[in-house]
Amino acid sequence: MELFSYISIEERVAERHRLRLIRALLLQAFYSIRSERQLMEQMAFNLLYRWFVELGPDERVWDASTFSKNRDWLFEADGGHRV
């Protein structure tokens, strides 16, 4: 049994996987952004936010409805509990 893995997490999680949206939700919580729509507006011009969620400076931000569509999936997954 090996103790270390040399495969990065980036290689393990698909580029368009839903779990990557969690980074954006962390930004929303850390900076007290009231809605996903407002978060996407700020993500459009804030390079720090783009860097944190691994969006390039020229990539389009997600549509705010993406969060609504994936929220149920996130809470139904194992380990996801509503507070």
PDB file of N, CA and C in Angstrom:
ATOM      1  N   MET A   1       0.847  -1.183   0.000  1.00  0.00           N
ATOM      2  CA  MET A   1       0.000   0.000   0.000  1.00  0.00           C
ATOM      3  C   MET A   1       0.891   1.244   0.000  1.00  0.00           C
ATOM      4  N   GLU A   2       0.560   2.179  -0.882  1.00  0.00           N
ATOM      5  CA  GLU A   2       1.363   3.381  -0.992  1.00  0.00           C
ATOM      6  C   GLU A   2       0.823   4.478  -0.088  1.00  0.00           C
ATOM      7  N   LEU A   3       1.709   5.267   0.442  1.00  0.00           N
ATOM      8  CA  LEU A   3       1.332   6.333   1.356  1.00  0.00           C
ATOM      9  C   LEU A   3       1.010   7.632   0.635  1.00  0.00           C
ATOM     10  N   PHE A   4       1.670   7.886  -0.483  1.00  0.00           N
ATOM     11  CA  PHE A   4       1.488   9.141  -1.207  1.00  0.00           C
ATOM     12  C   PHE A   4       0.906   8.874  -2.591  1.00  0.00           C
ATOM     13  N   SER A   5       0.171   9.864  -3.082  1.00  0.00           N
ATOM     14  CA  SER A   5      -0.363   9.804  -4.437  1.00  0.00           C
ATOM     15  C   SER A   5       0.254  10.941  -5.240  1.00  0.00           C
ATOM     16  N   TYR A   6       0.659  10.637  -6.440  1.00  0.00           N
ATOM     17  CA  TYR A   6       1.280  11.650  -7.285  1.00  0.00           C
ATOM     18  C   TYR A   6       0.320  12.161  -8.356  1.00  0.00           C
ATOM     19  N   ILE A   7      -0.941  11.794  -8.243  1.00  0.00           N
ATOM     20  CA  ILE A   7      -1.964  12.284  -9.159  1.00  0.00           C
ATOM     21  C   ILE A   7      -2.646  13.463  -8.480  1.00  0.00           C
ATOM     22  N   SER A   8      -2.683  14.593  -9.168  1.00  0.00           N
ATOM     23  CA  SER A   8      -3.263  15.790  -8.559  1.00  0.00           C
ATOM     24  C   SER A   8      -4.788  15.684  -8.496  1.00  0.00           C
ATOM     25  N   ILE A   9      -5.362  16.448  -7.613  1.00  0.00           N
ATOM     26  CA  ILE A   9      -6.810  16.487  -7.483  1.00  0.00           C
ATOM     27  C   ILE A   9      -7.438  17.008  -8.770  1.00  0.00           C
ATOM     28  N   GLU A  10      -6.743  17.917  -9.437  1.00  0.00           N
ATOM     29  CA  GLU A  10      -7.245  18.475 -10.692  1.00  0.00           C
ATOM     30  C   GLU A  10      -7.446  17.381 -11.732  1.00  0.00           C
ATOM     31  N   GLU A  11      -6.591  16.373 -11.723  1.00  0.00           N
ATOM     32  CA  GLU A  11      -6.729  15.269 -12.665  1.00  0.00           C
ATOM     33  C   GLU A  11      -7.862  14.327 -12.270  1.00  0.00           C
ATOM     34  N   ARG A  12      -8.184  14.275 -11.002  1.00  0.00           N
ATOM     35  CA  ARG A  12      -9.217  13.361 -10.520  1.00  0.00           C
ATOM     36  C   ARG A  12     -10.632  13.904 -10.685  1.00  0.00           C
ATOM     37  N   VAL A  13     -10.798  15.220 -10.583  1.00  0.00           N
ATOM     38  CA  VAL A  13     -12.123  15.834 -10.683  1.00  0.00           C
ATOM     39  C   VAL A  13     -12.263  16.445 -12.073  1.00  0.00           C
ATOM     40  N   ALA A  14     -13.303  16.060 -12.782  1.00  0.00           N
ATOM     41  CA  ALA A  14     -13.517  16.568 -14.140  1.00  0.00           C
ATOM     42  C   ALA A  14     -13.637  18.088 -14.140  1.00  0.00           C
ATOM     43  N   GLU A  15     -13.227  18.702 -15.230  1.00  0.00           N
ATOM     44  CA  GLU A  15     -13.187  20.158 -15.319  1.00  0.00           C
ATOM     45  C   GLU A  15     -14.563  20.789 -15.119  1.00  0.00           C
ATOM     46  N   ARG A  16     -15.607  20.162 -15.604  1.00  0.00           N
ATOM     47  CA  ARG A  16     -16.964  20.721 -15.501  1.00  0.00           C
ATOM     48  C   ARG A  16     -17.787  20.042 -14.413  1.00  0.00           C
ATOM     49  N   HIS A  17     -17.145  19.400 -13.454  1.00  0.00           N
ATOM     50  CA  HIS A  17     -17.868  18.693 -12.390  1.00  0.00           C
ATOM     51  C   HIS A  17     -18.554  19.669 -11.453  1.00  0.00           C
ATOM     52  N   ARG A  18     -19.675  19.259 -10.921  1.00  0.00           N
ATOM     53  CA  ARG A  18     -20.474  20.121 -10.042  1.00  0.00           C
ATOM     54  C   ARG A  18     -19.737  20.523  -8.772  1.00  0.00           C
ATOM     55  N   LEU A  19     -18.835  19.700  -8.313  1.00  0.00           N
ATOM     56  CA  LEU A  19     -18.128  20.012  -7.074  1.00  0.00           C
ATOM     57  C   LEU A  19     -17.279  21.269  -7.193  1.00  0.00           C
ATOM     58  N   ARG A  20     -16.904  21.645  -8.396  1.00  0.00           N
ATOM     59  CA  ARG A  20     -16.110  22.863  -8.569  1.00  0.00           C
ATOM     60  C   ARG A  20     -16.910  24.107  -8.201  1.00  0.00           C
ATOM     61  N   LEU A  21     -18.265  24.020  -8.196  1.00  0.00           N
ATOM     62  CA  LEU A  21     -19.087  25.165  -7.807  1.00  0.00           C
ATOM     63  C   LEU A  21     -18.983  25.461  -6.323  1.00  0.00           C
ATOM     64  N   ILE A  22     -18.514  24.494  -5.545  1.00  0.00           N
ATOM     65  CA  ILE A  22     -18.414  24.693  -4.098  1.00  0.00           C
ATOM     66  C   ILE A  22     -17.450  25.831  -3.782  1.00  0.00           C
ATOM     67  N   ARG A  23     -16.413  25.997  -4.572  1.00  0.00           N
ATOM     68  CA  ARG A  23     -15.481  27.107  -4.351  1.00  0.00           C
ATOM     69  C   ARG A  23     -16.205  28.438  -4.447  1.00  0.00           C
ATOM     70  N   ALA A  24     -17.092  28.558  -5.422  1.00  0.00           N
ATOM     71  CA  ALA A  24     -17.846  29.799  -5.573  1.00  0.00           C
ATOM     72  C   ALA A  24     -18.765  30.009  -4.372  1.00  0.00           C
ATOM     73  N   LEU A  25     -19.354  28.938  -3.862  1.00  0.00           N
ATOM     74  CA  LEU A  25     -20.216  29.072  -2.688  1.00  0.00           C
ATOM     75  C   LEU A  25     -19.418  29.483  -1.455  1.00  0.00           C
ATOM     76  N   LEU A  26     -18.174  29.044  -1.377  1.00  0.00           N
ATOM     77  CA  LEU A  26     -17.312  29.486  -0.279  1.00  0.00           C
ATOM     78  C   LEU A  26     -17.065  30.989  -0.370  1.00  0.00           C
ATOM     79  N   LEU A  27     -16.815  31.485  -1.575  1.00  0.00           N
ATOM     80  CA  LEU A  27     -16.648  32.936  -1.749  1.00  0.00           C
ATOM     81  C   LEU A  27     -17.898  33.674  -1.304  1.00  0.00           C
ATOM     82  N   GLN A  28     -19.045  33.132  -1.667  1.00  0.00           N
ATOM     83  CA  GLN A  28     -20.305  33.774  -1.297  1.00  0.00           C
ATOM     84  C   GLN A  28     -20.436  33.853   0.221  1.00  0.00           C
ATOM     85  N   ALA A  29     -20.051  32.796   0.906  1.00  0.00           N
ATOM     86  CA  ALA A  29     -20.147  32.785   2.365  1.00  0.00           C
ATOM     87  C   ALA A  29     -19.093  33.692   3.001  1.00  0.00           C
ATOM     88  N   PHE A  30     -17.857  33.619   2.526  1.00  0.00           N
ATOM     89  CA  PHE A  30     -16.770  34.406   3.116  1.00  0.00           C
ATOM     90  C   PHE A  30     -16.995  35.908   2.988  1.00  0.00           C
ATOM     91  N   TYR A  31     -17.537  36.338   1.843  1.00  0.00           N
ATOM     92  CA  TYR A  31     -17.690  37.763   1.586  1.00  0.00           C
ATOM     93  C   TYR A  31     -19.127  38.252   1.732  1.00  0.00           C
ATOM     94  N   SER A  32     -19.987  37.428   2.317  1.00  0.00           N
ATOM     95  CA  SER A  32     -21.383  37.795   2.601  1.00  0.00           C
ATOM     96  C   SER A  32     -22.107  38.347   1.373  1.00  0.00           C
ATOM     97  N   ILE A  33     -21.961  37.643   0.282  1.00  0.00           N
ATOM     98  CA  ILE A  33     -22.651  38.029  -0.951  1.00  0.00           C
ATOM     99  C   ILE A  33     -24.054  37.438  -0.881  1.00  0.00           C
ATOM    100  N   ARG A  34     -25.056  38.279  -1.072  1.00  0.00           N
ATOM    101  CA  ARG A  34     -26.437  37.891  -0.787  1.00  0.00           C
ATOM    102  C   ARG A  34     -27.039  36.862  -1.724  1.00  0.00           C
ATOM    103  N   SER A  35     -26.652  36.849  -2.982  1.00  0.00           N
ATOM    104  CA  SER A  35     -27.303  35.928  -3.923  1.00  0.00           C
ATOM    105  C   SER A  35     -26.291  35.409  -4.937  1.00  0.00           C
ATOM    106  N   GLU A  36     -26.662  34.309  -5.584  1.00  0.00           N
ATOM    107  CA  GLU A  36     -25.798  33.758  -6.626  1.00  0.00           C
ATOM    108  C   GLU A  36     -25.705  34.716  -7.811  1.00  0.00           C
ATOM    109  N   ARG A  37     -26.776  35.420  -8.091  1.00  0.00           N
ATOM    110  CA  ARG A  37     -26.758  36.386  -9.193  1.00  0.00           C
ATOM    111  C   ARG A  37     -25.740  37.496  -8.908  1.00  0.00           C
ATOM    112  N   GLN A  38     -25.733  37.999  -7.679  1.00  0.00           N
ATOM    113  CA  GLN A  38     -24.768  39.030  -7.305  1.00  0.00           C
ATOM    114  C   GLN A  38     -23.342  38.465  -7.326  1.00  0.00           C
ATOM    115  N   LEU A  39     -23.190  37.217  -6.917  1.00  0.00           N
ATOM    116  CA  LEU A  39     -21.882  36.566  -6.954  1.00  0.00           C
ATOM    117  C   LEU A  39     -21.360  36.494  -8.388  1.00  0.00           C
ATOM    118  N   MET A  40     -22.218  36.143  -9.334  1.00  0.00           N
ATOM    119  CA  MET A  40     -21.791  36.049 -10.732  1.00  0.00           C
ATOM    120  C   MET A  40     -21.468  37.429 -11.307  1.00  0.00           C
ATOM    121  N   GLU A  41     -22.187  38.463 -10.862  1.00  0.00           N
ATOM    122  CA  GLU A  41     -21.864  39.821 -11.299  1.00  0.00           C
ATOM    123  C   GLU A  41     -20.469  40.212 -10.830  1.00  0.00           C
ATOM    124  N   GLN A  42     -20.156  39.895  -9.577  1.00  0.00           N
ATOM    125  CA  GLN A  42     -18.832  40.227  -9.050  1.00  0.00           C
ATOM    126  C   GLN A  42     -17.749  39.347  -9.673  1.00  0.00           C
ATOM    127  N   MET A  43     -18.094  38.099  -9.971  1.00  0.00           N
ATOM    128  CA  MET A  43     -17.133  37.186 -10.584  1.00  0.00           C
ATOM    129  C   MET A  43     -16.749  37.664 -11.991  1.00  0.00           C
ATOM    130  N   ALA A  44     -17.621  38.417 -12.621  1.00  0.00           N
ATOM    131  CA  ALA A  44     -17.352  38.898 -13.971  1.00  0.00           C
ATOM    132  C   ALA A  44     -16.155  39.842 -14.023  1.00  0.00           C
ATOM    133  N   PHE A  45     -15.883  40.574 -12.933  1.00  0.00           N
ATOM    134  CA  PHE A  45     -14.777  41.536 -12.985  1.00  0.00           C
ATOM    135  C   PHE A  45     -13.717  41.344 -11.908  1.00  0.00           C
ATOM    136  N   ASN A  46     -13.956  40.531 -10.907  1.00  0.00           N
ATOM    137  CA  ASN A  46     -13.005  40.372  -9.814  1.00  0.00           C
ATOM    138  C   ASN A  46     -12.031  39.231 -10.125  1.00  0.00           C
ATOM    139  N   LEU A  47     -10.793  39.575 -10.402  1.00  0.00           N
ATOM    140  CA  LEU A  47      -9.801  38.571 -10.781  1.00  0.00           C
ATOM    141  C   LEU A  47      -9.464  37.621  -9.638  1.00  0.00           C
ATOM    142  N   LEU A  48      -9.538  38.084  -8.414  1.00  0.00           N
ATOM    143  CA  LEU A  48      -9.275  37.211  -7.271  1.00  0.00           C
ATOM    144  C   LEU A  48     -10.325  36.104  -7.194  1.00  0.00           C
ATOM    145  N   TYR A  49     -11.573  36.473  -7.377  1.00  0.00           N
ATOM    146  CA  TYR A  49     -12.635  35.464  -7.376  1.00  0.00           C
ATOM    147  C   TYR A  49     -12.428  34.475  -8.513  1.00  0.00           C
ATOM    148  N   ARG A  50     -12.098  34.968  -9.687  1.00  0.00           N
ATOM    149  CA  ARG A  50     -11.872  34.094 -10.851  1.00  0.00           C
ATOM    150  C   ARG A  50     -10.725  33.127 -10.581  1.00  0.00           C
ATOM    151  N   TRP A  51      -9.654  33.633  -9.973  1.00  0.00           N
ATOM    152  CA  TRP A  51      -8.522  32.776  -9.656  1.00  0.00           C
ATOM    153  C   TRP A  51      -8.946  31.680  -8.679  1.00  0.00           C
ATOM    154  N   PHE A  52      -9.715  32.034  -7.662  1.00  0.00           N
ATOM    155  CA  PHE A  52     -10.111  31.085  -6.630  1.00  0.00           C
ATOM    156  C   PHE A  52     -10.961  29.949  -7.189  1.00  0.00           C
ATOM    157  N   VAL A  53     -11.826  30.246  -8.147  1.00  0.00           N
ATOM    158  CA  VAL A  53     -12.684  29.200  -8.724  1.00  0.00           C
ATOM    159  C   VAL A  53     -12.089  28.626 -10.005  1.00  0.00           C
ATOM    160  N   GLU A  54     -10.852  29.031 -10.310  1.00  0.00           N
ATOM    161  CA  GLU A  54     -10.096  28.524 -11.448  1.00  0.00           C
ATOM    162  C   GLU A  54     -10.747  28.847 -12.794  1.00  0.00           C
ATOM    163  N   LEU A  55     -11.258  30.067 -12.919  1.00  0.00           N
ATOM    164  CA  LEU A  55     -11.744  30.567 -14.201  1.00  0.00           C
ATOM    165  C   LEU A  55     -10.690  31.488 -14.779  1.00  0.00           C
ATOM    166  N   GLY A  56     -10.424  31.343 -16.048  1.00  0.00           N
ATOM    167  CA  GLY A  56      -9.474  32.227 -16.705  1.00  0.00           C
ATOM    168  C   GLY A  56     -10.065  33.621 -16.863  1.00  0.00           C
ATOM    169  N   PRO A  57      -9.230  34.617 -17.116  1.00  0.00           N
ATOM    170  CA  PRO A  57      -9.719  35.992 -17.244  1.00  0.00           C
ATOM    171  C   PRO A  57     -10.681  36.184 -18.414  1.00  0.00           C
ATOM    172  N   ASP A  58     -10.599  35.336 -19.438  1.00  0.00           N
ATOM    173  CA  ASP A  58     -11.464  35.474 -20.603  1.00  0.00           C
ATOM    174  C   ASP A  58     -12.630  34.497 -20.635  1.00  0.00           C
ATOM    175  N   GLU A  59     -12.692  33.574 -19.673  1.00  0.00           N
ATOM    176  CA  GLU A  59     -13.786  32.599 -19.656  1.00  0.00           C
ATOM    177  C   GLU A  59     -15.077  33.245 -19.172  1.00  0.00           C
ATOM    178  N   ARG A  60     -16.179  32.755 -19.679  1.00  0.00           N
ATOM    179  CA  ARG A  60     -17.483  33.250 -19.244  1.00  0.00           C
ATOM    180  C   ARG A  60     -17.795  32.709 -17.853  1.00  0.00           C
ATOM    181  N   VAL A  61     -18.427  33.531 -17.031  1.00  0.00           N
ATOM    182  CA  VAL A  61     -18.866  33.060 -15.716  1.00  0.00           C
ATOM    183  C   VAL A  61     -20.118  32.222 -15.907  1.00  0.00           C
ATOM    184  N   TRP A  62     -20.448  31.443 -14.892  1.00  0.00           N
ATOM    185  CA  TRP A  62     -21.623  30.583 -14.966  1.00  0.00           C
ATOM    186  C   TRP A  62     -22.891  31.413 -14.877  1.00  0.00           C
ATOM    187  N   ASP A  63     -23.957  30.840 -15.327  1.00  0.00           N
ATOM    188  CA  ASP A  63     -25.264  31.448 -15.150  1.00  0.00           C
ATOM    189  C   ASP A  63     -25.686  31.214 -13.699  1.00  0.00           C
ATOM    190  N   ALA A  64     -26.324  32.179 -13.097  1.00  0.00           N
ATOM    191  CA  ALA A  64     -26.724  32.055 -11.686  1.00  0.00           C
ATOM    192  C   ALA A  64     -27.674  30.881 -11.471  1.00  0.00           C
ATOM    193  N   SER A  65     -28.432  30.501 -12.474  1.00  0.00           N
ATOM    194  CA  SER A  65     -29.371  29.378 -12.323  1.00  0.00           C
ATOM    195  C   SER A  65     -28.642  28.043 -12.167  1.00  0.00           C
ATOM    196  N   THR A  66     -27.370  27.993 -12.511  1.00  0.00           N
ATOM    197  CA  THR A  66     -26.581  26.774 -12.339  1.00  0.00           C
ATOM    198  C   THR A  66     -26.567  26.349 -10.879  1.00  0.00           C
ATOM    199  N   PHE A  67     -26.489  27.312  -9.985  1.00  0.00           N
ATOM    200  CA  PHE A  67     -26.466  27.002  -8.557  1.00  0.00           C
ATOM    201  C   PHE A  67     -27.800  26.414  -8.107  1.00  0.00           C
ATOM    202  N   SER A  68     -28.882  26.981  -8.574  1.00  0.00           N
ATOM    203  CA  SER A  68     -30.206  26.479  -8.201  1.00  0.00           C
ATOM    204  C   SER A  68     -30.397  25.049  -8.678  1.00  0.00           C
ATOM    205  N   LYS A  69     -29.960  24.768  -9.887  1.00  0.00           N
ATOM    206  CA  LYS A  69     -30.118  23.429 -10.461  1.00  0.00           C
ATOM    207  C   LYS A  69     -29.296  22.399  -9.703  1.00  0.00           C
ATOM    208  N   ASN A  70     -28.136  22.800  -9.227  1.00  0.00           N
ATOM    209  CA  ASN A  70     -27.245  21.845  -8.573  1.00  0.00           C
ATOM    210  C   ASN A  70     -27.390  21.798  -7.057  1.00  0.00           C
ATOM    211  N   ARG A  71     -28.125  22.722  -6.485  1.00  0.00           N
ATOM    212  CA  ARG A  71     -28.259  22.762  -5.031  1.00  0.00           C
ATOM    213  C   ARG A  71     -28.919  21.490  -4.494  1.00  0.00           C
ATOM    214  N   ASP A  72     -29.994  21.045  -5.124  1.00  0.00           N
ATOM    215  CA  ASP A  72     -30.657  19.830  -4.668  1.00  0.00           C
ATOM    216  C   ASP A  72     -29.726  18.632  -4.752  1.00  0.00           C
ATOM    217  N   TRP A  73     -28.972  18.556  -5.850  1.00  0.00           N
ATOM    218  CA  TRP A  73     -28.033  17.459  -5.999  1.00  0.00           C
ATOM    219  C   TRP A  73     -27.003  17.479  -4.879  1.00  0.00           C
ATOM    220  N   LEU A  74     -26.522  18.652  -4.532  1.00  0.00           N
ATOM    221  CA  LEU A  74     -25.496  18.781  -3.505  1.00  0.00           C
ATOM    222  C   LEU A  74     -26.005  18.310  -2.147  1.00  0.00           C
ATOM    223  N   PHE A  75     -27.227  18.699  -1.794  1.00  0.00           N
ATOM    224  CA  PHE A  75     -27.756  18.321  -0.486  1.00  0.00           C
ATOM    225  C   PHE A  75     -28.219  16.877  -0.431  1.00  0.00           C
ATOM    226  N   GLU A  76     -28.541  16.283  -1.559  1.00  0.00           N
ATOM    227  CA  GLU A  76     -28.956  14.888  -1.568  1.00  0.00           C
ATOM    228  C   GLU A  76     -27.764  13.937  -1.565  1.00  0.00           C
ATOM    229  N   ALA A  77     -26.581  14.430  -1.921  1.00  0.00           N
ATOM    230  CA  ALA A  77     -25.390  13.601  -1.956  1.00  0.00           C
ATOM    231  C   ALA A  77     -25.017  13.174  -0.541  1.00  0.00           C
ATOM    232  N   ASP A  78     -24.287  12.081  -0.448  1.00  0.00           N
ATOM    233  CA  ASP A  78     -23.832  11.606   0.859  1.00  0.00           C
ATOM    234  C   ASP A  78     -23.005  12.671   1.543  1.00  0.00           C
ATOM    235  N   GLY A  79     -23.309  12.948   2.779  1.00  0.00           N
ATOM    236  CA  GLY A  79     -22.556  13.921   3.543  1.00  0.00           C
ATOM    237  C   GLY A  79     -23.108  15.322   3.465  1.00  0.00           C
ATOM    238  N   GLY A  80     -24.062  15.571   2.598  1.00  0.00           N
ATOM    239  CA  GLY A  80     -24.639  16.900   2.497  1.00  0.00           C
ATOM    240  C   GLY A  80     -25.851  17.000   3.416  1.00  0.00           C
ATOM    241  N   HIS A  81     -25.799  17.878   4.380  1.00  0.00           N
ATOM    242  CA  HIS A  81     -26.893  18.018   5.337  1.00  0.00           C
ATOM    243  C   HIS A  81     -27.315  19.472   5.411  1.00  0.00           C
ATOM    244  N   ARG A  82     -28.609  19.686   5.458  1.00  0.00           N
ATOM    245  CA  ARG A  82     -29.102  21.051   5.637  1.00  0.00           C
ATOM    246  C   ARG A  82     -28.970  21.448   7.095  1.00  0.00           C
ATOM    247  N   VAL A  83     -28.654  22.686   7.303  1.00  0.00           N
ATOM    248  CA  VAL A  83     -28.480  23.186   8.665  1.00  0.00           C
ATOM    249  C   VAL A  83     -29.730  23.907   9.097  1.00  0.00           C
TER     250      VAL A  83
END
